[in-house]
Amino acid sequence: MDEWVYFAGLYDTKFEAYCAVMWVEADERIRRSARPTEVEIYRSRGGRYGVRFRRQENASSSSLARV
């Protein structure tokens, strides 16, 4: 499986991170490039939220968002 790619920035709330997840998924669909196969919201040691995803070329399955 591919390594995690961390989306720039940390967010104060889980909702803000979830909005970033939607942006990542929509952006990849618009470009029709490598789609994220797995998107995840994680919590940093400092208590803020971030977004990470795995990108795979020619992904046949739809992306999954874990919240």
PDB file of N, CA and C in Angstrom:
ATOM      1  N   MET A   1       0.854  -1.186   0.000  1.00  0.00           N
ATOM      2  CA  MET A   1       0.000   0.000   0.000  1.00  0.00           C
ATOM      3  C   MET A   1       0.888   1.233   0.000  1.00  0.00           C
ATOM      4  N   ASP A   2       0.432   2.298  -0.608  1.00  0.00           N
ATOM      5  CA  ASP A   2       1.189   3.541  -0.685  1.00  0.00           C
ATOM      6  C   ASP A   2       1.312   4.191   0.684  1.00  0.00           C
ATOM      7  N   GLU A   3       2.303   5.071   0.811  1.00  0.00           N
ATOM      8  CA  GLU A   3       2.502   5.774   2.073  1.00  0.00           C
ATOM      9  C   GLU A   3       1.495   6.901   2.210  1.00  0.00           C
ATOM     10  N   TRP A   4       1.314   7.364   3.443  1.00  0.00           N
ATOM     11  CA  TRP A   4       0.391   8.465   3.698  1.00  0.00           C
ATOM     12  C   TRP A   4       0.973   9.763   3.162  1.00  0.00           C
ATOM     13  N   VAL A   5       0.107  10.603   2.587  1.00  0.00           N
ATOM     14  CA  VAL A   5       0.443  11.964   2.192  1.00  0.00           C
ATOM     15  C   VAL A   5      -0.318  12.865   3.142  1.00  0.00           C
ATOM     16  N   TYR A   6       0.404  13.764   3.823  1.00  0.00           N
ATOM     17  CA  TYR A   6      -0.240  14.648   4.795  1.00  0.00           C
ATOM     18  C   TYR A   6      -0.596  15.963   4.134  1.00  0.00           C
ATOM     19  N   PHE A   7      -1.876  16.317   4.218  1.00  0.00           N
ATOM     20  CA  PHE A   7      -2.383  17.557   3.657  1.00  0.00           C
ATOM     21  C   PHE A   7      -1.895  18.703   4.529  1.00  0.00           C
ATOM     22  N   ALA A   8      -1.447  19.796   3.908  1.00  0.00           N
ATOM     23  CA  ALA A   8      -0.865  20.922   4.643  1.00  0.00           C
ATOM     24  C   ALA A   8      -1.862  21.529   5.620  1.00  0.00           C
ATOM     25  N   GLY A   9      -1.385  21.804   6.789  1.00  0.00           N
ATOM     26  CA  GLY A   9      -2.184  22.520   7.775  1.00  0.00           C
ATOM     27  C   GLY A   9      -2.837  21.637   8.815  1.00  0.00           C
ATOM     28  N   LEU A  10      -3.013  22.211   9.979  1.00  0.00           N
ATOM     29  CA  LEU A  10      -3.762  21.581  11.065  1.00  0.00           C
ATOM     30  C   LEU A  10      -4.930  22.487  11.394  1.00  0.00           C
ATOM     31  N   TYR A  11      -6.024  21.891  11.834  1.00  0.00           N
ATOM     32  CA  TYR A  11      -7.261  22.622  12.065  1.00  0.00           C
ATOM     33  C   TYR A  11      -7.681  22.501  13.522  1.00  0.00           C
ATOM     34  N   ASP A  12      -8.361  23.545  14.004  1.00  0.00           N
ATOM     35  CA  ASP A  12      -8.797  23.563  15.398  1.00  0.00           C
ATOM     36  C   ASP A  12      -9.945  22.607  15.666  1.00  0.00           C
ATOM     37  N   THR A  13     -10.802  22.410  14.671  1.00  0.00           N
ATOM     38  CA  THR A  13     -11.963  21.540  14.886  1.00  0.00           C
ATOM     39  C   THR A  13     -11.983  20.402  13.869  1.00  0.00           C
ATOM     40  N   LYS A  14     -12.671  19.345  14.248  1.00  0.00           N
ATOM     41  CA  LYS A  14     -12.823  18.195  13.360  1.00  0.00           C
ATOM     42  C   LYS A  14     -13.643  18.586  12.128  1.00  0.00           C
ATOM     43  N   PHE A  15     -14.590  19.502  12.292  1.00  0.00           N
ATOM     44  CA  PHE A  15     -15.403  19.963  11.177  1.00  0.00           C
ATOM     45  C   PHE A  15     -14.534  20.630  10.106  1.00  0.00           C
ATOM     46  N   GLU A  16     -13.593  21.476  10.523  1.00  0.00           N
ATOM     47  CA  GLU A  16     -12.703  22.137   9.563  1.00  0.00           C
ATOM     48  C   GLU A  16     -11.873  21.102   8.804  1.00  0.00           C
ATOM     49  N   ALA A  17     -11.392  20.090   9.510  1.00  0.00           N
ATOM     50  CA  ALA A  17     -10.617  19.025   8.871  1.00  0.00           C
ATOM     51  C   ALA A  17     -11.494  18.249   7.892  1.00  0.00           C
ATOM     52  N   TYR A  18     -12.741  18.007   8.261  1.00  0.00           N
ATOM     53  CA  TYR A  18     -13.659  17.296   7.377  1.00  0.00           C
ATOM     54  C   TYR A  18     -13.903  18.097   6.096  1.00  0.00           C
ATOM     55  N   CYS A  19     -14.003  19.417   6.210  1.00  0.00           N
ATOM     56  CA  CYS A  19     -14.159  20.264   5.020  1.00  0.00           C
ATOM     57  C   CYS A  19     -12.936  20.125   4.120  1.00  0.00           C
ATOM     58  N   ALA A  20     -11.757  20.024   4.709  1.00  0.00           N
ATOM     59  CA  ALA A  20     -10.540  19.819   3.919  1.00  0.00           C
ATOM     60  C   ALA A  20     -10.578  18.467   3.211  1.00  0.00           C
ATOM     61  N   VAL A  21     -11.132  17.441   3.862  1.00  0.00           N
ATOM     62  CA  VAL A  21     -11.285  16.127   3.232  1.00  0.00           C
ATOM     63  C   VAL A  21     -12.152  16.256   1.987  1.00  0.00           C
ATOM     64  N   MET A  22     -13.251  16.953   2.099  1.00  0.00           N
ATOM     65  CA  MET A  22     -14.144  17.135   0.951  1.00  0.00           C
ATOM     66  C   MET A  22     -13.424  17.877  -0.169  1.00  0.00           C
ATOM     67  N   TRP A  23     -12.600  18.855   0.183  1.00  0.00           N
ATOM     68  CA  TRP A  23     -11.855  19.615  -0.815  1.00  0.00           C
ATOM     69  C   TRP A  23     -10.849  18.714  -1.538  1.00  0.00           C
ATOM     70  N   VAL A  24     -10.128  17.877  -0.794  1.00  0.00           N
ATOM     71  CA  VAL A  24      -9.151  16.961  -1.400  1.00  0.00           C
ATOM     72  C   VAL A  24      -9.851  16.018  -2.362  1.00  0.00           C
ATOM     73  N   GLU A  25     -10.956  15.426  -1.937  1.00  0.00           N
ATOM     74  CA  GLU A  25     -11.660  14.474  -2.796  1.00  0.00           C
ATOM     75  C   GLU A  25     -12.227  15.155  -4.037  1.00  0.00           C
ATOM     76  N   ALA A  26     -12.799  16.337  -3.889  1.00  0.00           N
ATOM     77  CA  ALA A  26     -13.369  17.048  -5.035  1.00  0.00           C
ATOM     78  C   ALA A  26     -12.275  17.487  -5.997  1.00  0.00           C
ATOM     79  N   ASP A  27     -11.173  17.945  -5.470  1.00  0.00           N
ATOM     80  CA  ASP A  27     -10.074  18.398  -6.311  1.00  0.00           C
ATOM     81  C   ASP A  27      -9.529  17.257  -7.167  1.00  0.00           C
ATOM     82  N   GLU A  28      -9.377  16.100  -6.580  1.00  0.00           N
ATOM     83  CA  GLU A  28      -8.860  14.960  -7.326  1.00  0.00           C
ATOM     84  C   GLU A  28      -9.861  14.491  -8.388  1.00  0.00           C
ATOM     85  N   ARG A  29     -11.155  14.574  -8.093  1.00  0.00           N
ATOM     86  CA  ARG A  29     -12.164  14.182  -9.082  1.00  0.00           C
ATOM     87  C   ARG A  29     -12.180  15.150 -10.260  1.00  0.00           C
ATOM     88  N   ILE A  30     -12.023  16.439  -9.975  1.00  0.00           N
ATOM     89  CA  ILE A  30     -12.042  17.456 -11.034  1.00  0.00           C
ATOM     90  C   ILE A  30     -10.852  17.266 -11.970  1.00  0.00           C
ATOM     91  N   ARG A  31      -9.698  17.024 -11.411  1.00  0.00           N
ATOM     92  CA  ARG A  31      -8.481  16.853 -12.218  1.00  0.00           C
ATOM     93  C   ARG A  31      -8.421  15.502 -12.910  1.00  0.00           C
ATOM     94  N   ARG A  32      -9.191  14.566 -12.414  1.00  0.00           N
ATOM     95  CA  ARG A  32      -9.177  13.189 -12.931  1.00  0.00           C
ATOM     96  C   ARG A  32      -7.779  12.592 -12.904  1.00  0.00           C
ATOM     97  N   SER A  33      -7.040  12.968 -11.889  1.00  0.00           N
ATOM     98  CA  SER A  33      -5.688  12.431 -11.723  1.00  0.00           C
ATOM     99  C   SER A  33      -5.751  11.272 -10.737  1.00  0.00           C
ATOM    100  N   ALA A  34      -4.665  11.008 -10.090  1.00  0.00           N
ATOM    101  CA  ALA A  34      -4.627   9.918  -9.118  1.00  0.00           C
ATOM    102  C   ALA A  34      -5.593  10.228  -7.985  1.00  0.00           C
ATOM    103  N   ARG A  35      -6.566   9.387  -7.802  1.00  0.00           N
ATOM    104  CA  ARG A  35      -7.559   9.610  -6.753  1.00  0.00           C
ATOM    105  C   ARG A  35      -7.071   9.062  -5.424  1.00  0.00           C
ATOM    106  N   PRO A  36      -7.403   9.758  -4.342  1.00  0.00           N
ATOM    107  CA  PRO A  36      -7.035   9.202  -3.042  1.00  0.00           C
ATOM    108  C   PRO A  36      -7.852   7.934  -2.794  1.00  0.00           C
ATOM    109  N   THR A  37      -7.197   6.866  -2.389  1.00  0.00           N
ATOM    110  CA  THR A  37      -7.910   5.617  -2.142  1.00  0.00           C
ATOM    111  C   THR A  37      -8.411   5.545  -0.714  1.00  0.00           C
ATOM    112  N   GLU A  38      -7.805   6.325   0.156  1.00  0.00           N
ATOM    113  CA  GLU A  38      -8.204   6.329   1.558  1.00  0.00           C
ATOM    114  C   GLU A  38      -7.900   7.708   2.116  1.00  0.00           C
ATOM    115  N   VAL A  39      -8.876   8.362   2.710  1.00  0.00           N
ATOM    116  CA  VAL A  39      -8.705   9.683   3.308  1.00  0.00           C
ATOM    117  C   VAL A  39      -9.072   9.573   4.777  1.00  0.00           C
ATOM    118  N   GLU A  40      -8.266  10.191   5.623  1.00  0.00           N
ATOM    119  CA  GLU A  40      -8.464  10.022   7.059  1.00  0.00           C
ATOM    120  C   GLU A  40      -8.199  11.333   7.791  1.00  0.00           C
ATOM    121  N   ILE A  41      -9.001  11.599   8.802  1.00  0.00           N
ATOM    122  CA  ILE A  41      -8.757  12.710   9.709  1.00  0.00           C
ATOM    123  C   ILE A  41      -8.016  12.135  10.911  1.00  0.00           C
ATOM    124  N   TYR A  42      -6.916  12.791  11.278  1.00  0.00           N
ATOM    125  CA  TYR A  42      -6.148  12.321  12.437  1.00  0.00           C
ATOM    126  C   TYR A  42      -6.023  13.457  13.444  1.00  0.00           C
ATOM    127  N   ARG A  43      -5.710  13.115  14.661  1.00  0.00           N
ATOM    128  CA  ARG A  43      -5.522  14.116  15.708  1.00  0.00           C
ATOM    129  C   ARG A  43      -4.052  14.170  16.072  1.00  0.00           C
ATOM    130  N   SER A  44      -3.491  15.360  16.055  1.00  0.00           N
ATOM    131  CA  SER A  44      -2.075  15.522  16.368  1.00  0.00           C
ATOM    132  C   SER A  44      -1.862  15.443  17.876  1.00  0.00           C
ATOM    133  N   ARG A  45      -0.621  15.329  18.265  1.00  0.00           N
ATOM    134  CA  ARG A  45      -0.300  15.283  19.703  1.00  0.00           C
ATOM    135  C   ARG A  45      -0.716  16.561  20.415  1.00  0.00           C
ATOM    136  N   GLY A  46      -0.741  17.661  19.676  1.00  0.00           N
ATOM    137  CA  GLY A  46      -1.140  18.943  20.249  1.00  0.00           C
ATOM    138  C   GLY A  46      -2.643  19.137  20.327  1.00  0.00           C
ATOM    139  N   GLY A  47      -3.412  18.150  19.851  1.00  0.00           N
ATOM    140  CA  GLY A  47      -4.867  18.217  19.949  1.00  0.00           C
ATOM    141  C   GLY A  47      -5.568  18.805  18.738  1.00  0.00           C
ATOM    142  N   ARG A  48      -4.815  19.210  17.717  1.00  0.00           N
ATOM    143  CA  ARG A  48      -5.440  19.748  16.509  1.00  0.00           C
ATOM    144  C   ARG A  48      -5.673  18.615  15.516  1.00  0.00           C
ATOM    145  N   TYR A  49      -6.467  18.890  14.491  1.00  0.00           N
ATOM    146  CA  TYR A  49      -6.847  17.867  13.514  1.00  0.00           C
ATOM    147  C   TYR A  49      -6.149  18.107  12.179  1.00  0.00           C
ATOM    148  N   GLY A  50      -5.815  17.015  11.520  1.00  0.00           N
ATOM    149  CA  GLY A  50      -5.191  17.088  10.209  1.00  0.00           C
ATOM    150  C   GLY A  50      -5.815  16.080   9.270  1.00  0.00           C
ATOM    151  N   VAL A  51      -5.417  16.159   8.013  1.00  0.00           N
ATOM    152  CA  VAL A  51      -5.942  15.275   6.974  1.00  0.00           C
ATOM    153  C   VAL A  51      -4.768  14.569   6.313  1.00  0.00           C
ATOM    154  N   ARG A  52      -4.920  13.277   6.133  1.00  0.00           N
ATOM    155  CA  ARG A  52      -3.921  12.518   5.391  1.00  0.00           C
ATOM    156  C   ARG A  52      -4.642  11.582   4.443  1.00  0.00           C
ATOM    157  N   PHE A  53      -3.950  11.221   3.379  1.00  0.00           N
ATOM    158  CA  PHE A  53      -4.570  10.339   2.395  1.00  0.00           C
ATOM    159  C   PHE A  53      -3.513   9.502   1.708  1.00  0.00           C
ATOM    160  N   ARG A  54      -3.978   8.431   1.110  1.00  0.00           N
ATOM    161  CA  ARG A  54      -3.132   7.576   0.292  1.00  0.00           C
ATOM    162  C   ARG A  54      -3.571   7.768  -1.140  1.00  0.00           C
ATOM    163  N   ARG A  55      -2.612   7.971  -2.005  1.00  0.00           N
ATOM    164  CA  ARG A  55      -2.899   8.211  -3.410  1.00  0.00           C
ATOM    165  C   ARG A  55      -2.380   7.033  -4.215  1.00  0.00           C
ATOM    166  N   GLN A  56      -3.201   6.547  -5.106  1.00  0.00           N
ATOM    167  CA  GLN A  56      -2.808   5.416  -5.935  1.00  0.00           C
ATOM    168  C   GLN A  56      -3.197   5.720  -7.367  1.00  0.00           C
ATOM    169  N   GLU A  57      -2.270   5.550  -8.280  1.00  0.00           N
ATOM    170  CA  GLU A  57      -2.568   5.789  -9.700  1.00  0.00           C
ATOM    171  C   GLU A  57      -3.600   4.773 -10.179  1.00  0.00           C
ATOM    172  N   ASN A  58      -4.518   5.229 -11.013  1.00  0.00           N
ATOM    173  CA  ASN A  58      -5.548   4.369 -11.608  1.00  0.00           C
ATOM    174  C   ASN A  58      -6.380   3.648 -10.556  1.00  0.00           C
ATOM    175  N   ALA A  59      -6.751   4.343  -9.519  1.00  0.00           N
ATOM    176  CA  ALA A  59      -7.563   3.739  -8.467  1.00  0.00           C
ATOM    177  C   ALA A  59      -8.946   3.430  -9.009  1.00  0.00           C
ATOM    178  N   SER A  60      -9.386   2.199  -8.887  1.00  0.00           N
ATOM    179  CA  SER A  60     -10.678   1.807  -9.428  1.00  0.00           C
ATOM    180  C   SER A  60     -11.806   1.967  -8.416  1.00  0.00           C
ATOM    181  N   SER A  61     -11.473   1.941  -7.128  1.00  0.00           N
ATOM    182  CA  SER A  61     -12.511   2.071  -6.109  1.00  0.00           C
ATOM    183  C   SER A  61     -12.675   3.514  -5.707  1.00  0.00           C
ATOM    184  N   SER A  62     -13.823   3.843  -5.189  1.00  0.00           N
ATOM    185  CA  SER A  62     -14.067   5.208  -4.737  1.00  0.00           C
ATOM    186  C   SER A  62     -13.321   5.444  -3.426  1.00  0.00           C
ATOM    187  N   SER A  63     -13.058   6.701  -3.147  1.00  0.00           N
ATOM    188  CA  SER A  63     -12.309   7.024  -1.942  1.00  0.00           C
ATOM    189  C   SER A  63     -13.194   6.874  -0.706  1.00  0.00           C
ATOM    190  N   LEU A  64     -12.571   6.606   0.399  1.00  0.00           N
ATOM    191  CA  LEU A  64     -13.269   6.402   1.657  1.00  0.00           C
ATOM    192  C   LEU A  64     -12.867   7.497   2.627  1.00  0.00           C
ATOM    193  N   ALA A  65     -13.825   8.078   3.286  1.00  0.00           N
ATOM    194  CA  ALA A  65     -13.521   9.086   4.300  1.00  0.00           C
ATOM    195  C   ALA A  65     -13.827   8.488   5.658  1.00  0.00           C
ATOM    196  N   ARG A  66     -12.846   8.523   6.518  1.00  0.00           N
ATOM    197  CA  ARG A  66     -13.042   8.064   7.901  1.00  0.00           C
ATOM    198  C   ARG A  66     -13.083   9.269   8.795  1.00  0.00           C
ATOM    199  N   VAL A  67     -14.102   9.368   9.593  1.00  0.00           N
ATOM    200  CA  VAL A  67     -14.235  10.507  10.505  1.00  0.00           C
ATOM    201  C   VAL A  67     -14.321   9.999  11.909  1.00  0.00           C
TER     202      VAL A  67
END
